[in-house]
């Protein structure tokens, strides 16, 4: 088995960021139904930034409305840290705000797979996870 085969056989590492415990649980349940993942959750942007340092995910699903830091500021920090995984944006805000956030994040060099209104459907999440698998980079080993 070569390194690329091993990388694709490892479960996709997913970080879910949302301040709403119900949304986090719902997303986790949807991922569980979609396959084998290593899921990390954070309910605050600062906690998610700390996780990016220690265990960078392949896919990050993040809410744009966070009490400790808005999504745009969070994504700016993520880009500055050199995050090279993929991102899905979630928001209960109107679609114009979501599209503007998506454009800003892409302009900062992040790979945005989609910007979805809450609640995201299982089908939509499944499609985005498939895209994340296609964009997945081999893990760096120390």
Protein backbone atom coordinates (compact mmCIF):
# COMPACT_ATOMS: atom_id res chain seq x y z
CA UNK A 1 0.00 0.00 0.00
CA UNK A 2 1.56 3.31 -1.01
CA UNK A 3 1.26 6.56 0.96
CA UNK A 4 -1.65 7.90 -1.12
CA UNK A 5 -3.63 4.66 -0.59
CA UNK A 6 -3.04 4.89 3.15
CA UNK A 7 -4.09 8.56 3.21
CA UNK A 8 -7.35 7.77 1.44
CA UNK A 9 -8.01 4.78 3.73
CA UNK A 10 -7.71 6.93 6.89
CA UNK A 11 -11.01 8.41 8.03
CA UNK A 12 -11.55 11.99 6.90
CA UNK A 13 -10.79 14.34 9.79
CA UNK A 14 -13.64 16.83 10.23
CA UNK A 15 -13.83 19.83 12.56
CA UNK A 16 -17.35 21.09 13.29
CA UNK A 17 -17.57 24.64 14.65
CA UNK A 18 -20.91 25.97 15.88
CA UNK A 19 -21.95 27.65 19.12
CA UNK A 20 -25.29 25.79 19.07
CA UNK A 21 -25.00 22.35 20.76
CA UNK A 22 -28.06 21.10 18.84
CA UNK A 23 -26.47 22.02 15.48
CA UNK A 24 -23.21 20.31 16.46
CA UNK A 25 -25.04 17.13 17.49
CA UNK A 26 -27.12 17.17 14.30
CA UNK A 27 -24.04 17.57 12.10
CA UNK A 28 -22.23 14.82 14.00
CA UNK A 29 -25.20 12.47 13.54
CA UNK A 30 -25.34 13.23 9.81
CA UNK A 31 -21.62 12.50 9.43
CA UNK A 32 -22.03 9.24 11.34
CA UNK A 33 -24.69 8.19 8.82
CA UNK A 34 -22.41 9.16 5.91
CA UNK A 35 -19.45 6.96 6.80
CA UNK A 36 -16.25 6.74 8.79
CA UNK A 37 -14.91 10.07 10.05
CA UNK A 38 -12.73 11.36 12.84
CA UNK A 39 -14.89 14.21 14.15
CA UNK A 40 -13.79 17.06 16.38
CA UNK A 41 -16.25 19.66 17.65
CA UNK A 42 -15.79 23.17 18.96
CA UNK A 43 -18.41 25.61 20.20
CA UNK A 44 -16.13 28.67 20.10
CA UNK A 45 -13.79 30.07 17.47
CA UNK A 46 -10.81 30.23 19.86
CA UNK A 47 -11.19 26.52 20.65
CA UNK A 48 -11.33 25.71 16.93
CA UNK A 49 -8.17 27.75 16.27
CA UNK A 50 -6.38 25.80 19.01
CA UNK A 51 -7.49 22.50 17.41
CA UNK A 52 -6.18 23.66 14.02
CA UNK A 53 -2.74 23.96 15.62
CA UNK A 54 -2.73 20.49 17.16
CA UNK A 55 -4.88 18.37 14.82
CA UNK A 56 -5.52 20.07 11.48
CA UNK A 57 -8.67 18.60 9.91
CA UNK A 58 -9.16 17.70 6.26
CA UNK A 59 -12.54 19.45 6.32
CA UNK A 60 -13.81 22.23 8.53
CA UNK A 61 -17.55 22.95 8.73
CA UNK A 62 -18.05 26.31 10.39
CA UNK A 63 -20.87 28.58 11.39
CA UNK A 64 -20.42 32.25 10.52
CA UNK A 65 -22.21 33.58 13.61
CA UNK A 66 -20.10 32.93 16.67
CA UNK A 67 -20.30 34.90 19.93
CA UNK A 68 -16.53 35.12 20.56
CA UNK A 69 -15.43 35.95 16.99
CA UNK A 70 -17.39 36.39 13.78
CA UNK A 71 -16.89 33.91 10.97
CA UNK A 72 -15.03 36.34 8.71
CA UNK A 73 -12.46 37.10 11.41
CA UNK A 74 -12.15 33.39 12.21
CA UNK A 75 -11.52 32.54 8.55
CA UNK A 76 -8.89 35.30 8.32
CA UNK A 77 -7.05 33.68 11.26
CA UNK A 78 -7.40 30.25 9.63
CA UNK A 79 -5.91 31.58 6.37
CA UNK A 80 -3.04 33.27 8.26
CA UNK A 81 -2.26 29.93 9.93
CA UNK A 82 -1.83 28.41 6.46
CA UNK A 83 -4.72 25.93 6.74
CA UNK A 84 -4.66 23.82 3.57
CA UNK A 85 -7.77 21.70 4.09
CA UNK A 86 -11.25 22.46 2.84
CA UNK A 87 -14.02 24.56 4.38
CA UNK A 88 -17.81 24.51 4.32
CA UNK A 89 -19.56 27.63 5.60
CA UNK A 90 -22.89 27.45 7.42
CA UNK A 91 -25.15 30.30 8.38
CA UNK A 92 -28.65 31.18 9.36
CA UNK A 93 -28.09 34.60 7.75
CA UNK A 94 -29.48 35.51 4.36
CA UNK A 95 -27.76 34.14 1.26
CA UNK A 96 -26.11 37.45 0.27
CA UNK A 97 -24.11 37.48 3.52
CA UNK A 98 -23.17 33.83 3.01
CA UNK A 99 -21.97 34.45 -0.57
CA UNK A 100 -19.96 37.52 0.51
CA UNK A 101 -18.26 35.48 3.25
CA UNK A 102 -17.50 32.74 0.72
CA UNK A 103 -15.87 35.23 -1.68
CA UNK A 104 -13.81 36.81 1.12
CA UNK A 105 -12.56 33.44 2.36
CA UNK A 106 -11.61 32.36 -1.17
CA UNK A 107 -9.78 35.66 -1.70
CA UNK A 108 -7.70 34.82 1.40
CA UNK A 109 -6.63 31.54 -0.22
CA UNK A 110 -8.97 29.11 1.54
CA UNK A 111 -10.59 26.24 -0.36
CA UNK A 112 -14.32 26.77 0.16
CA UNK A 113 -16.42 23.82 -0.97
CA UNK A 114 -19.74 25.48 -0.30
CA UNK A 115 -21.74 28.03 1.65
CA UNK A 116 -24.94 26.52 3.01
CA UNK A 117 -27.98 27.90 4.75
CA UNK A 118 -28.84 26.27 8.07
CA UNK A 119 -30.03 23.66 8.54
CA UNK A 120 -27.90 21.87 5.94
CA UNK A 121 -29.52 18.75 4.49
CA UNK A 122 -27.91 15.33 4.79
CA UNK A 123 -27.75 15.09 0.98
CA UNK A 124 -26.00 18.46 0.70
CA UNK A 125 -23.55 17.54 3.48
CA UNK A 126 -22.89 14.19 1.78
CA UNK A 127 -22.06 15.93 -1.50
CA UNK A 128 -19.70 18.33 0.28
CA UNK A 129 -17.96 15.49 2.13
CA UNK A 130 -17.40 13.73 -1.22
CA UNK A 131 -15.83 16.94 -2.55
CA UNK A 132 -13.64 17.15 0.57
CA UNK A 133 -12.39 13.61 -0.04
CA UNK A 134 -11.42 14.55 -3.62
CA UNK A 135 -9.51 17.63 -2.38
CA UNK A 136 -7.81 15.78 0.47
CA UNK A 137 -4.04 16.20 0.67
CA UNK A 138 -1.73 13.51 2.05
CA UNK A 139 -1.01 14.12 5.75
CA UNK A 140 2.32 15.51 6.71
CA UNK A 141 4.19 13.25 9.05
CA UNK A 142 6.66 14.58 11.60
